[in-house]
Amino acid sequence: MEKDDFDWLLDLLKNVNGYGNFNCIFSDGEFLFCYFDKGGYNGLYFTERIPPYGVVKLLDEDWEINFAEKKYPNQIGYIVAA
């Protein structure tokens, strides 16, 4: 897929954003789409996870995950939040 293949989607999301604040994250099973409000509403944050993996613990919750047990040693991933 080329960037131009997704221009129609960007146009659609910008149109929806014209009705008010709008951030969204969704996937078609192959690609992850993230749209950040054109006015900067509420932020969009991401981080890239690169091996070697270890334990990640959320600062505001009593929850942790060991990515070394969940991911392949050469697998790269992203965490996105709106």
Protein backbone atom coordinates (compact mmCIF):
# COMPACT_ATOMS: atom_id res chain seq x y z
CA MET A 1 0.00 0.00 0.00
CA GLU A 2 1.10 3.51 -0.78
CA LYS A 3 0.47 6.71 1.17
CA ASP A 4 -1.88 7.90 -1.57
CA ASP A 5 -4.07 4.85 -0.92
CA PHE A 6 -5.04 6.39 2.44
CA ASP A 7 -5.62 10.00 1.34
CA TRP A 8 -9.39 9.36 1.07
CA LEU A 9 -9.41 8.22 4.70
CA LEU A 10 -7.58 11.33 5.87
CA ASP A 11 -10.05 13.51 3.97
CA LEU A 12 -12.96 11.68 5.62
CA LEU A 13 -11.49 12.05 9.12
CA LYS A 14 -10.81 15.76 8.56
CA ASN A 15 -14.42 16.17 7.46
CA VAL A 16 -15.70 14.46 10.63
CA ASN A 17 -13.33 16.65 12.67
CA GLY A 18 -15.02 19.69 11.16
CA TYR A 19 -18.09 18.93 13.32
CA GLY A 20 -16.14 19.17 16.60
CA ASN A 21 -13.25 17.71 18.59
CA PHE A 22 -12.17 14.35 17.24
CA ASN A 23 -9.37 11.90 18.04
CA CYS A 24 -9.59 8.25 17.07
CA ILE A 25 -7.60 5.04 16.88
CA PHE A 26 -8.76 2.05 14.87
CA SER A 27 -7.46 -0.86 12.83
CA ASP A 28 -8.54 -2.91 9.84
CA GLY A 29 -6.57 -5.91 11.14
CA GLU A 30 -3.48 -5.06 9.11
CA PHE A 31 -2.93 -1.34 9.62
CA LEU A 32 -3.31 0.85 12.70
CA PHE A 33 -4.88 4.26 12.00
CA CYS A 34 -4.47 7.15 14.42
CA TYR A 35 -6.06 10.55 13.84
CA PHE A 36 -5.23 13.56 15.99
CA ASP A 37 -7.68 16.46 16.23
CA LYS A 38 -6.65 19.31 13.91
CA GLY A 39 -7.06 21.77 16.81
CA GLY A 40 -4.91 19.69 19.18
CA TYR A 41 -7.79 18.56 21.38
CA ASN A 42 -6.77 16.27 24.24
CA GLY A 43 -3.49 15.08 22.72
CA LEU A 44 -2.38 11.88 21.04
CA TYR A 45 0.54 9.99 22.51
CA PHE A 46 2.65 7.08 21.31
CA THR A 47 5.78 5.21 22.19
CA GLU A 48 7.76 2.65 20.23
CA ARG A 49 8.65 -0.58 22.03
CA ILE A 50 11.96 -2.05 20.88
CA PRO A 51 13.63 -5.22 22.23
CA PRO A 52 15.03 -6.27 24.60
CA TYR A 53 11.77 -6.24 26.50
CA GLY A 54 11.23 -6.28 30.21
CA VAL A 55 8.48 -5.58 32.71
CA VAL A 56 6.32 -2.48 32.21
CA LYS A 57 4.31 -1.15 35.14
CA LEU A 58 1.68 1.58 34.92
CA LEU A 59 2.37 4.41 37.35
CA ASP A 60 -1.27 5.07 38.24
CA GLU A 61 -2.48 1.46 38.47
CA ASP A 62 -1.46 -1.72 40.25
CA TRP A 63 -0.82 -3.50 36.94
CA GLU A 64 2.24 -4.71 35.08
CA ILE A 65 3.10 -6.83 32.04
CA ASN A 66 6.29 -8.62 31.08
CA PHE A 67 6.64 -7.98 27.34
CA ALA A 68 9.50 -10.50 27.18
CA GLU A 69 6.88 -13.21 27.79
CA LYS A 70 4.38 -11.77 25.26
CA LYS A 71 6.55 -10.69 22.30
CA TYR A 72 9.09 -12.37 20.05
CA PRO A 73 12.70 -11.25 20.70
CA ASN A 74 12.86 -9.33 17.39
CA GLN A 75 9.30 -7.90 17.43
CA ILE A 76 8.85 -4.11 17.43
CA GLY A 77 5.58 -2.52 18.46
CA TYR A 78 3.84 0.75 19.32
CA ILE A 79 1.60 1.83 22.13
CA VAL A 80 -0.84 4.60 21.18
CA ALA A 81 -3.31 6.49 23.39
CA ALA A 82 -5.67 9.35 22.68
